[in-house]
Amino acid sequence: MATVAEFIELRKSIETLAGQIIVFVEHKAVQDSRQHLDEANRQLETLKTMVSNDVQVVVAERLTRQLTGLGTKVETLAAKMPARKTAAKKKQSKKD
């Protein structure tokens, strides 16, 4: 059984990742956002197995909602990003 201290450390780590995801979304860095979101979701699954009291249940549910919302923002951002067609144009420009 995990200790409360381990639970708190994992919670802080997830919250830190969530904060970084928000910054990446603001800067429109889709790839970094996805990587951090995937890591946060992996840690959240571990956190859910550590839940042992009512307060920890509430924390796990809050983090689940937060990461779900961030996932939606990342997917929306990814959908708005244009396809990478500029690389071919840049190569042609360099040949001139």
PDB file of N, CA and C in Angstrom:
ATOM      1  N   MET A   1       0.841  -1.185   0.000  1.00  0.00           N
ATOM      2  CA  MET A   1       0.000   0.000   0.000  1.00  0.00           C
ATOM      3  C   MET A   1       0.887   1.251   0.000  1.00  0.00           C
ATOM      4  N   ALA A   2       0.509   2.196  -0.795  1.00  0.00           N
ATOM      5  CA  ALA A   2       1.286   3.424  -0.928  1.00  0.00           C
ATOM      6  C   ALA A   2       1.035   4.343   0.263  1.00  0.00           C
ATOM      7  N   THR A   3       2.038   5.120   0.567  1.00  0.00           N
ATOM      8  CA  THR A   3       1.901   6.060   1.672  1.00  0.00           C
ATOM      9  C   THR A   3       1.268   7.353   1.187  1.00  0.00           C
ATOM     10  N   VAL A   4       0.835   8.134   2.140  1.00  0.00           N
ATOM     11  CA  VAL A   4       0.235   9.435   1.826  1.00  0.00           C
ATOM     12  C   VAL A   4       1.273  10.342   1.178  1.00  0.00           C
ATOM     13  N   ALA A   5       2.516  10.266   1.640  1.00  0.00           N
ATOM     14  CA  ALA A   5       3.580  11.103   1.078  1.00  0.00           C
ATOM     15  C   ALA A   5       3.799  10.773  -0.402  1.00  0.00           C
ATOM     16  N   GLU A   6       3.773   9.497  -0.755  1.00  0.00           N
ATOM     17  CA  GLU A   6       3.932   9.108  -2.158  1.00  0.00           C
ATOM     18  C   GLU A   6       2.758   9.625  -2.993  1.00  0.00           C
ATOM     19  N   PHE A   7       1.574   9.538  -2.439  1.00  0.00           N
ATOM     20  CA  PHE A   7       0.384  10.037  -3.111  1.00  0.00           C
ATOM     21  C   PHE A   7       0.528  11.537  -3.380  1.00  0.00           C
ATOM     22  N   ILE A   8       0.969  12.271  -2.367  1.00  0.00           N
ATOM     23  CA  ILE A   8       1.116  13.724  -2.504  1.00  0.00           C
ATOM     24  C   ILE A   8       2.167  14.066  -3.553  1.00  0.00           C
ATOM     25  N   GLU A   9       3.286  13.353  -3.558  1.00  0.00           N
ATOM     26  CA  GLU A   9       4.339  13.621  -4.543  1.00  0.00           C
ATOM     27  C   GLU A   9       3.841  13.371  -5.960  1.00  0.00           C
ATOM     28  N   LEU A  10       3.113  12.285  -6.137  1.00  0.00           N
ATOM     29  CA  LEU A  10       2.576  11.977  -7.456  1.00  0.00           C
ATOM     30  C   LEU A  10       1.539  13.016  -7.879  1.00  0.00           C
ATOM     31  N   ARG A  11       0.707  13.456  -6.948  1.00  0.00           N
ATOM     32  CA  ARG A  11      -0.285  14.502  -7.229  1.00  0.00           C
ATOM     33  C   ARG A  11       0.408  15.784  -7.658  1.00  0.00           C
ATOM     34  N   LYS A  12       1.453  16.170  -6.941  1.00  0.00           N
ATOM     35  CA  LYS A  12       2.193  17.390  -7.294  1.00  0.00           C
ATOM     36  C   LYS A  12       2.816  17.268  -8.682  1.00  0.00           C
ATOM     37  N   SER A  13       3.328  16.101  -8.993  1.00  0.00           N
ATOM     38  CA  SER A  13       3.930  15.879 -10.301  1.00  0.00           C
ATOM     39  C   SER A  13       2.891  16.030 -11.412  1.00  0.00           C
ATOM     40  N   ILE A  14       1.703  15.478 -11.198  1.00  0.00           N
ATOM     41  CA  ILE A  14       0.628  15.592 -12.188  1.00  0.00           C
ATOM     42  C   ILE A  14       0.196  17.045 -12.338  1.00  0.00           C
ATOM     43  N   GLU A  15       0.084  17.754 -11.227  1.00  0.00           N
ATOM     44  CA  GLU A  15      -0.310  19.163 -11.299  1.00  0.00           C
ATOM     45  C   GLU A  15       0.746  20.000 -12.008  1.00  0.00           C
ATOM     46  N   THR A  16       2.016  19.682 -11.820  1.00  0.00           N
ATOM     47  CA  THR A  16       3.095  20.380 -12.517  1.00  0.00           C
ATOM     48  C   THR A  16       2.996  20.131 -14.019  1.00  0.00           C
ATOM     49  N   LEU A  17       2.781  18.874 -14.391  1.00  0.00           N
ATOM     50  CA  LEU A  17       2.618  18.546 -15.807  1.00  0.00           C
ATOM     51  C   LEU A  17       1.414  19.273 -16.397  1.00  0.00           C
ATOM     52  N   ALA A  18       0.331  19.351 -15.648  1.00  0.00           N
ATOM     53  CA  ALA A  18      -0.862  20.054 -16.121  1.00  0.00           C
ATOM     54  C   ALA A  18      -0.547  21.532 -16.368  1.00  0.00           C
ATOM     55  N   GLY A  19       0.208  22.130 -15.484  1.00  0.00           N
ATOM     56  CA  GLY A  19       0.608  23.523 -15.665  1.00  0.00           C
ATOM     57  C   GLY A  19       1.458  23.705 -16.911  1.00  0.00           C
ATOM     58  N   GLN A  20       2.361  22.757 -17.161  1.00  0.00           N
ATOM     59  CA  GLN A  20       3.201  22.824 -18.359  1.00  0.00           C
ATOM     60  C   GLN A  20       2.365  22.641 -19.624  1.00  0.00           C
ATOM     61  N   ILE A  21       1.374  21.765 -19.556  1.00  0.00           N
ATOM     62  CA  ILE A  21       0.492  21.558 -20.709  1.00  0.00           C
ATOM     63  C   ILE A  21      -0.226  22.854 -21.052  1.00  0.00           C
ATOM     64  N   ILE A  22      -0.700  23.559 -20.036  1.00  0.00           N
ATOM     65  CA  ILE A  22      -1.390  24.831 -20.261  1.00  0.00           C
ATOM     66  C   ILE A  22      -0.474  25.814 -20.978  1.00  0.00           C
ATOM     67  N   VAL A  23       0.779  25.889 -20.549  1.00  0.00           N
ATOM     68  CA  VAL A  23       1.745  26.794 -21.183  1.00  0.00           C
ATOM     69  C   VAL A  23       1.988  26.375 -22.634  1.00  0.00           C
ATOM     70  N   PHE A  24       2.160  25.074 -22.870  1.00  0.00           N
ATOM     71  CA  PHE A  24       2.386  24.604 -24.235  1.00  0.00           C
ATOM     72  C   PHE A  24       1.187  24.881 -25.132  1.00  0.00           C
ATOM     73  N   VAL A  25      -0.012  24.731 -24.611  1.00  0.00           N
ATOM     74  CA  VAL A  25      -1.214  25.022 -25.398  1.00  0.00           C
ATOM     75  C   VAL A  25      -1.250  26.507 -25.748  1.00  0.00           C
ATOM     76  N   GLU A  26      -0.901  27.358 -24.793  1.00  0.00           N
ATOM     77  CA  GLU A  26      -0.877  28.805 -25.060  1.00  0.00           C
ATOM     78  C   GLU A  26       0.140  29.147 -26.146  1.00  0.00           C
ATOM     79  N   HIS A  27       1.248  28.409 -26.176  1.00  0.00           N
ATOM     80  CA  HIS A  27       2.279  28.650 -27.189  1.00  0.00           C
ATOM     81  C   HIS A  27       2.064  27.808 -28.443  1.00  0.00           C
ATOM     82  N   LYS A  28       0.964  27.070 -28.470  1.00  0.00           N
ATOM     83  CA  LYS A  28       0.571  26.250 -29.612  1.00  0.00           C
ATOM     84  C   LYS A  28       1.609  25.192 -29.966  1.00  0.00           C
ATOM     85  N   ALA A  29       2.208  24.598 -28.941  1.00  0.00           N
ATOM     86  CA  ALA A  29       3.166  23.510 -29.120  1.00  0.00           C
ATOM     87  C   ALA A  29       2.425  22.186 -28.929  1.00  0.00           C
ATOM     88  N   VAL A  30       1.854  21.687 -30.020  1.00  0.00           N
ATOM     89  CA  VAL A  30       0.986  20.511 -29.949  1.00  0.00           C
ATOM     90  C   VAL A  30       1.763  19.269 -29.514  1.00  0.00           C
ATOM     91  N   GLN A  31       2.917  19.049 -30.108  1.00  0.00           N
ATOM     92  CA  GLN A  31       3.683  17.833 -29.806  1.00  0.00           C
ATOM     93  C   GLN A  31       4.082  17.780 -28.331  1.00  0.00           C
ATOM     94  N   ASP A  32       4.600  18.868 -27.807  1.00  0.00           N
ATOM     95  CA  ASP A  32       4.984  18.908 -26.394  1.00  0.00           C
ATOM     96  C   ASP A  32       3.768  18.732 -25.489  1.00  0.00           C
ATOM     97  N   SER A  33       2.667  19.333 -25.875  1.00  0.00           N
ATOM     98  CA  SER A  33       1.437  19.212 -25.099  1.00  0.00           C
ATOM     99  C   SER A  33       0.997  17.758 -25.010  1.00  0.00           C
ATOM    100  N   ARG A  34       1.031  17.086 -26.132  1.00  0.00           N
ATOM    101  CA  ARG A  34       0.620  15.673 -26.156  1.00  0.00           C
ATOM    102  C   ARG A  34       1.540  14.809 -25.309  1.00  0.00           C
ATOM    103  N   GLN A  35       2.835  15.046 -25.404  1.00  0.00           N
ATOM    104  CA  GLN A  35       3.786  14.244 -24.630  1.00  0.00           C
ATOM    105  C   GLN A  35       3.542  14.416 -23.134  1.00  0.00           C
ATOM    106  N   HIS A  36       3.375  15.643 -22.702  1.00  0.00           N
ATOM    107  CA  HIS A  36       3.133  15.904 -21.287  1.00  0.00           C
ATOM    108  C   HIS A  36       1.774  15.351 -20.846  1.00  0.00           C
ATOM    109  N   LEU A  37       0.780  15.454 -21.717  1.00  0.00           N
ATOM    110  CA  LEU A  37      -0.544  14.923 -21.404  1.00  0.00           C
ATOM    111  C   LEU A  37      -0.497  13.406 -21.251  1.00  0.00           C
ATOM    112  N   ASP A  38       0.225  12.738 -22.130  1.00  0.00           N
ATOM    113  CA  ASP A  38       0.355  11.282 -22.025  1.00  0.00           C
ATOM    114  C   ASP A  38       1.032  10.883 -20.718  1.00  0.00           C
ATOM    115  N   GLU A  39       2.092  11.603 -20.372  1.00  0.00           N
ATOM    116  CA  GLU A  39       2.797  11.319 -19.117  1.00  0.00           C
ATOM    117  C   GLU A  39       1.895  11.568 -17.911  1.00  0.00           C
ATOM    118  N   ALA A  40       1.160  12.666 -17.930  1.00  0.00           N
ATOM    119  CA  ALA A  40       0.252  12.985 -16.826  1.00  0.00           C
ATOM    120  C   ALA A  40      -0.831  11.918 -16.690  1.00  0.00           C
ATOM    121  N   ASN A  41      -1.344  11.433 -17.812  1.00  0.00           N
ATOM    122  CA  ASN A  41      -2.373  10.388 -17.762  1.00  0.00           C
ATOM    123  C   ASN A  41      -1.807   9.077 -17.226  1.00  0.00           C
ATOM    124  N   ARG A  42      -0.565   8.747 -17.575  1.00  0.00           N
ATOM    125  CA  ARG A  42       0.070   7.546 -17.012  1.00  0.00           C
ATOM    126  C   ARG A  42       0.212   7.667 -15.501  1.00  0.00           C
ATOM    127  N   GLN A  43       0.659   8.838 -15.056  1.00  0.00           N
ATOM    128  CA  GLN A  43       0.808   9.057 -13.625  1.00  0.00           C
ATOM    129  C   GLN A  43      -0.543   9.045 -12.915  1.00  0.00           C
ATOM    130  N   LEU A  44      -1.569   9.553 -13.575  1.00  0.00           N
ATOM    131  CA  LEU A  44      -2.906   9.558 -12.987  1.00  0.00           C
ATOM    132  C   LEU A  44      -3.408   8.127 -12.776  1.00  0.00           C
ATOM    133  N   GLU A  45      -3.139   7.245 -13.711  1.00  0.00           N
ATOM    134  CA  GLU A  45      -3.546   5.845 -13.542  1.00  0.00           C
ATOM    135  C   GLU A  45      -2.862   5.231 -12.327  1.00  0.00           C
ATOM    136  N   THR A  46      -1.603   5.552 -12.126  1.00  0.00           N
ATOM    137  CA  THR A  46      -0.888   5.081 -10.939  1.00  0.00           C
ATOM    138  C   THR A  46      -1.500   5.681  -9.689  1.00  0.00           C
ATOM    139  N   LEU A  47      -1.811   6.956  -9.746  1.00  0.00           N
ATOM    140  CA  LEU A  47      -2.405   7.648  -8.596  1.00  0.00           C
ATOM    141  C   LEU A  47      -3.736   7.016  -8.208  1.00  0.00           C
ATOM    142  N   LYS A  48      -4.531   6.651  -9.200  1.00  0.00           N
ATOM    143  CA  LYS A  48      -5.834   6.056  -8.919  1.00  0.00           C
ATOM    144  C   LYS A  48      -5.701   4.734  -8.160  1.00  0.00           C
ATOM    145  N   THR A  49      -4.625   4.006  -8.394  1.00  0.00           N
ATOM    146  CA  THR A  49      -4.428   2.744  -7.671  1.00  0.00           C
ATOM    147  C   THR A  49      -4.006   2.979  -6.231  1.00  0.00           C
ATOM    148  N   MET A  50      -3.536   4.176  -5.936  1.00  0.00           N
ATOM    149  CA  MET A  50      -3.059   4.508  -4.597  1.00  0.00           C
ATOM    150  C   MET A  50      -4.157   5.063  -3.692  1.00  0.00           C
ATOM    151  N   VAL A  51      -5.330   5.342  -4.240  1.00  0.00           N
ATOM    152  CA  VAL A  51      -6.409   5.972  -3.482  1.00  0.00           C
ATOM    153  C   VAL A  51      -6.841   5.071  -2.325  1.00  0.00           C
ATOM    154  N   SER A  52      -6.908   5.684  -1.113  1.00  0.00           N
ATOM    155  CA  SER A  52      -7.290   4.879   0.057  1.00  0.00           C
ATOM    156  C   SER A  52      -8.294   5.583   0.972  1.00  0.00           C
ATOM    157  N   ASN A  53      -8.638   6.842   0.680  1.00  0.00           N
ATOM    158  CA  ASN A  53      -9.641   7.520   1.503  1.00  0.00           C
ATOM    159  C   ASN A  53     -10.444   8.504   0.656  1.00  0.00           C
ATOM    160  N   ASP A  54     -11.459   9.092   1.268  1.00  0.00           N
ATOM    161  CA  ASP A  54     -12.382   9.972   0.545  1.00  0.00           C
ATOM    162  C   ASP A  54     -11.695  11.190  -0.061  1.00  0.00           C
ATOM    163  N   VAL A  55     -10.762  11.769   0.657  1.00  0.00           N
ATOM    164  CA  VAL A  55     -10.067  12.965   0.163  1.00  0.00           C
ATOM    165  C   VAL A  55      -9.266  12.612  -1.086  1.00  0.00           C
ATOM    166  N   GLN A  56      -8.619  11.469  -1.073  1.00  0.00           N
ATOM    167  CA  GLN A  56      -7.837  11.052  -2.231  1.00  0.00           C
ATOM    168  C   GLN A  56      -8.733  10.745  -3.425  1.00  0.00           C
ATOM    169  N   VAL A  57      -9.936  10.250  -3.181  1.00  0.00           N
ATOM    170  CA  VAL A  57     -10.894  10.011  -4.257  1.00  0.00           C
ATOM    171  C   VAL A  57     -11.245  11.335  -4.934  1.00  0.00           C
ATOM    172  N   VAL A  58     -11.490  12.361  -4.130  1.00  0.00           N
ATOM    173  CA  VAL A  58     -11.833  13.681  -4.658  1.00  0.00           C
ATOM    174  C   VAL A  58     -10.669  14.236  -5.490  1.00  0.00           C
ATOM    175  N   VAL A  59      -9.451  14.074  -4.992  1.00  0.00           N
ATOM    176  CA  VAL A  59      -8.272  14.559  -5.718  1.00  0.00           C
ATOM    177  C   VAL A  59      -8.150  13.843  -7.060  1.00  0.00           C
ATOM    178  N   ALA A  60      -8.307  12.531  -7.059  1.00  0.00           N
ATOM    179  CA  ALA A  60      -8.200  11.757  -8.293  1.00  0.00           C
ATOM    180  C   ALA A  60      -9.267  12.178  -9.295  1.00  0.00           C
ATOM    181  N   GLU A  61     -10.478  12.409  -8.829  1.00  0.00           N
ATOM    182  CA  GLU A  61     -11.552  12.844  -9.724  1.00  0.00           C
ATOM    183  C   GLU A  61     -11.285  14.235 -10.285  1.00  0.00           C
ATOM    184  N   ARG A  62     -10.767  15.121  -9.444  1.00  0.00           N
ATOM    185  CA  ARG A  62     -10.453  16.483  -9.904  1.00  0.00           C
ATOM    186  C   ARG A  62      -9.366  16.450 -10.973  1.00  0.00           C
ATOM    187  N   LEU A  63      -8.326  15.671 -10.727  1.00  0.00           N
ATOM    188  CA  LEU A  63      -7.239  15.579 -11.701  1.00  0.00           C
ATOM    189  C   LEU A  63      -7.709  14.922 -12.995  1.00  0.00           C
ATOM    190  N   THR A  64      -8.608  13.955 -12.876  1.00  0.00           N
ATOM    191  CA  THR A  64      -9.161  13.309 -14.066  1.00  0.00           C
ATOM    192  C   THR A  64      -9.918  14.330 -14.913  1.00  0.00           C
ATOM    193  N   ARG A  65     -10.745  15.132 -14.270  1.00  0.00           N
ATOM    194  CA  ARG A  65     -11.494  16.169 -15.006  1.00  0.00           C
ATOM    195  C   ARG A  65     -10.545  17.181 -15.636  1.00  0.00           C
ATOM    196  N   GLN A  66      -9.522  17.582 -14.883  1.00  0.00           N
ATOM    197  CA  GLN A  66      -8.578  18.570 -15.390  1.00  0.00           C
ATOM    198  C   GLN A  66      -7.844  18.036 -16.622  1.00  0.00           C
ATOM    199  N   LEU A  67      -7.355  16.809 -16.548  1.00  0.00           N
ATOM    200  CA  LEU A  67      -6.621  16.247 -17.682  1.00  0.00           C
ATOM    201  C   LEU A  67      -7.529  15.969 -18.870  1.00  0.00           C
ATOM    202  N   THR A  68      -8.776  15.625 -18.611  1.00  0.00           N
ATOM    203  CA  THR A  68      -9.733  15.440 -19.704  1.00  0.00           C
ATOM    204  C   THR A  68      -9.960  16.763 -20.430  1.00  0.00           C
ATOM    205  N   GLY A  69     -10.115  17.824 -19.672  1.00  0.00           N
ATOM    206  CA  GLY A  69     -10.285  19.148 -20.266  1.00  0.00           C
ATOM    207  C   GLY A  69      -9.066  19.583 -21.058  1.00  0.00           C
ATOM    208  N   LEU A  70      -7.889  19.324 -20.510  1.00  0.00           N
ATOM    209  CA  LEU A  70      -6.664  19.673 -21.228  1.00  0.00           C
ATOM    210  C   LEU A  70      -6.510  18.829 -22.491  1.00  0.00           C
ATOM    211  N   GLY A  71      -6.918  17.574 -22.410  1.00  0.00           N
ATOM    212  CA  GLY A  71      -6.870  16.715 -23.593  1.00  0.00           C
ATOM    213  C   GLY A  71      -7.745  17.258 -24.703  1.00  0.00           C
ATOM    214  N   THR A  72      -8.910  17.764 -24.334  1.00  0.00           N
ATOM    215  CA  THR A  72      -9.808  18.372 -25.308  1.00  0.00           C
ATOM    216  C   THR A  72      -9.167  19.602 -25.939  1.00  0.00           C
ATOM    217  N   LYS A  73      -8.513  20.423 -25.118  1.00  0.00           N
ATOM    218  CA  LYS A  73      -7.847  21.619 -25.652  1.00  0.00           C
ATOM    219  C   LYS A  73      -6.721  21.238 -26.607  1.00  0.00           C
ATOM    220  N   VAL A  74      -5.949  20.217 -26.253  1.00  0.00           N
ATOM    221  CA  VAL A  74      -4.844  19.780 -27.107  1.00  0.00           C
ATOM    222  C   VAL A  74      -5.377  19.263 -28.434  1.00  0.00           C
ATOM    223  N   GLU A  75      -6.431  18.465 -28.405  1.00  0.00           N
ATOM    224  CA  GLU A  75      -7.012  17.940 -29.638  1.00  0.00           C
ATOM    225  C   GLU A  75      -7.590  19.062 -30.496  1.00  0.00           C
ATOM    226  N   THR A  76      -8.221  20.033 -29.879  1.00  0.00           N
ATOM    227  CA  THR A  76      -8.753  21.180 -30.614  1.00  0.00           C
ATOM    228  C   THR A  76      -7.619  21.958 -31.267  1.00  0.00           C
ATOM    229  N   LEU A  77      -6.541  22.159 -30.519  1.00  0.00           N
ATOM    230  CA  LEU A  77      -5.378  22.866 -31.046  1.00  0.00           C
ATOM    231  C   LEU A  77      -4.774  22.088 -32.214  1.00  0.00           C
ATOM    232  N   ALA A  78      -4.671  20.778 -32.064  1.00  0.00           N
ATOM    233  CA  ALA A  78      -4.102  19.953 -33.127  1.00  0.00           C
ATOM    234  C   ALA A  78      -4.967  20.015 -34.386  1.00  0.00           C
ATOM    235  N   ALA A  79      -6.269  20.064 -34.220  1.00  0.00           N
ATOM    236  CA  ALA A  79      -7.170  20.133 -35.367  1.00  0.00           C
ATOM    237  C   ALA A  79      -7.062  21.476 -36.088  1.00  0.00           C
ATOM    238  N   LYS A  80      -6.749  22.521 -35.357  1.00  0.00           N
ATOM    239  CA  LYS A  80      -6.649  23.854 -35.957  1.00  0.00           C
ATOM    240  C   LYS A  80      -5.318  24.081 -36.656  1.00  0.00           C
ATOM    241  N   MET A  81      -4.309  23.284 -36.322  1.00  0.00           N
ATOM    242  CA  MET A  81      -2.998  23.484 -36.917  1.00  0.00           C
ATOM    243  C   MET A  81      -3.044  23.081 -38.387  1.00  0.00           C
ATOM    244  N   PRO A  82      -2.447  23.888 -39.257  1.00  0.00           N
ATOM    245  CA  PRO A  82      -2.450  23.535 -40.682  1.00  0.00           C
ATOM    246  C   PRO A  82      -1.525  22.343 -40.947  1.00  0.00           C
ATOM    247  N   ALA A  83      -1.774  21.666 -42.030  1.00  0.00           N
ATOM    248  CA  ALA A  83      -0.915  20.550 -42.418  1.00  0.00           C
ATOM    249  C   ALA A  83       0.465  21.099 -42.763  1.00  0.00           C
ATOM    250  N   ARG A  84       1.469  20.288 -42.593  1.00  0.00           N
ATOM    251  CA  ARG A  84       2.847  20.729 -42.820  1.00  0.00           C
ATOM    252  C   ARG A  84       3.205  20.683 -44.304  1.00  0.00           C
ATOM    253  N   LYS A  85       2.749  21.666 -45.038  1.00  0.00           N
ATOM    254  CA  LYS A  85       3.056  21.755 -46.458  1.00  0.00           C
ATOM    255  C   LYS A  85       4.154  22.790 -46.709  1.00  0.00           C
ATOM    256  N   THR A  86       4.547  23.506 -45.700  1.00  0.00           N
ATOM    257  CA  THR A  86       5.515  24.583 -45.883  1.00  0.00           C
ATOM    258  C   THR A  86       6.928  24.059 -46.093  1.00  0.00           C
ATOM    259  N   ALA A  87       7.214  22.845 -45.698  1.00  0.00           N
ATOM    260  CA  ALA A  87       8.570  22.310 -45.845  1.00  0.00           C
ATOM    261  C   ALA A  87       8.958  22.212 -47.309  1.00  0.00           C
ATOM    262  N   ALA A  88       8.059  21.785 -48.151  1.00  0.00           N
ATOM    263  CA  ALA A  88       8.345  21.685 -49.582  1.00  0.00           C
ATOM    264  C   ALA A  88       8.570  23.072 -50.169  1.00  0.00           C
ATOM    265  N   LYS A  89       7.809  24.043 -49.743  1.00  0.00           N
ATOM    266  CA  LYS A  89       7.962  25.411 -50.244  1.00  0.00           C
ATOM    267  C   LYS A  89       9.310  25.980 -49.810  1.00  0.00           C
ATOM    268  N   LYS A  90       9.730  25.703 -48.599  1.00  0.00           N
ATOM    269  CA  LYS A  90      10.999  26.215 -48.123  1.00  0.00           C
ATOM    270  C   LYS A  90      12.158  25.621 -48.905  1.00  0.00           C
ATOM    271  N   LYS A  91      12.089  24.338 -49.229  1.00  0.00           N
ATOM    272  CA  LYS A  91      13.160  23.707 -49.995  1.00  0.00           C
ATOM    273  C   LYS A  91      13.262  24.314 -51.377  1.00  0.00           C
ATOM    274  N   GLN A  92      12.121  24.619 -51.993  1.00  0.00           N
ATOM    275  CA  GLN A  92      12.135  25.230 -53.320  1.00  0.00           C
ATOM    276  C   GLN A  92      12.728  26.631 -53.245  1.00  0.00           C
ATOM    277  N   SER A  93      12.453  27.354 -52.186  1.00  0.00           N
ATOM    278  CA  SER A  93      12.974  28.714 -52.036  1.00  0.00           C
ATOM    279  C   SER A  93      14.484  28.704 -51.897  1.00  0.00           C
ATOM    280  N   LYS A  94      15.027  27.724 -51.218  1.00  0.00           N
ATOM    281  CA  LYS A  94      16.472  27.650 -51.016  1.00  0.00           C
ATOM    282  C   LYS A  94      17.220  27.332 -52.309  1.00  0.00           C
ATOM    283  N   LYS A  95      16.544  26.656 -53.231  1.00  0.00           N
ATOM    284  CA  LYS A  95      17.185  26.309 -54.504  1.00  0.00           C
ATOM    285  C   LYS A  95      17.365  27.526 -55.399  1.00  0.00           C
ATOM    286  N   ASP A  96      16.553  28.546 -55.187  1.00  0.00           N
ATOM    287  CA  ASP A  96      16.595  29.755 -56.040  1.00  0.00           C
ATOM    288  C   ASP A  96      17.821  30.556 -55.853  1.00  0.00           C
TER     289      ASP A  96
END
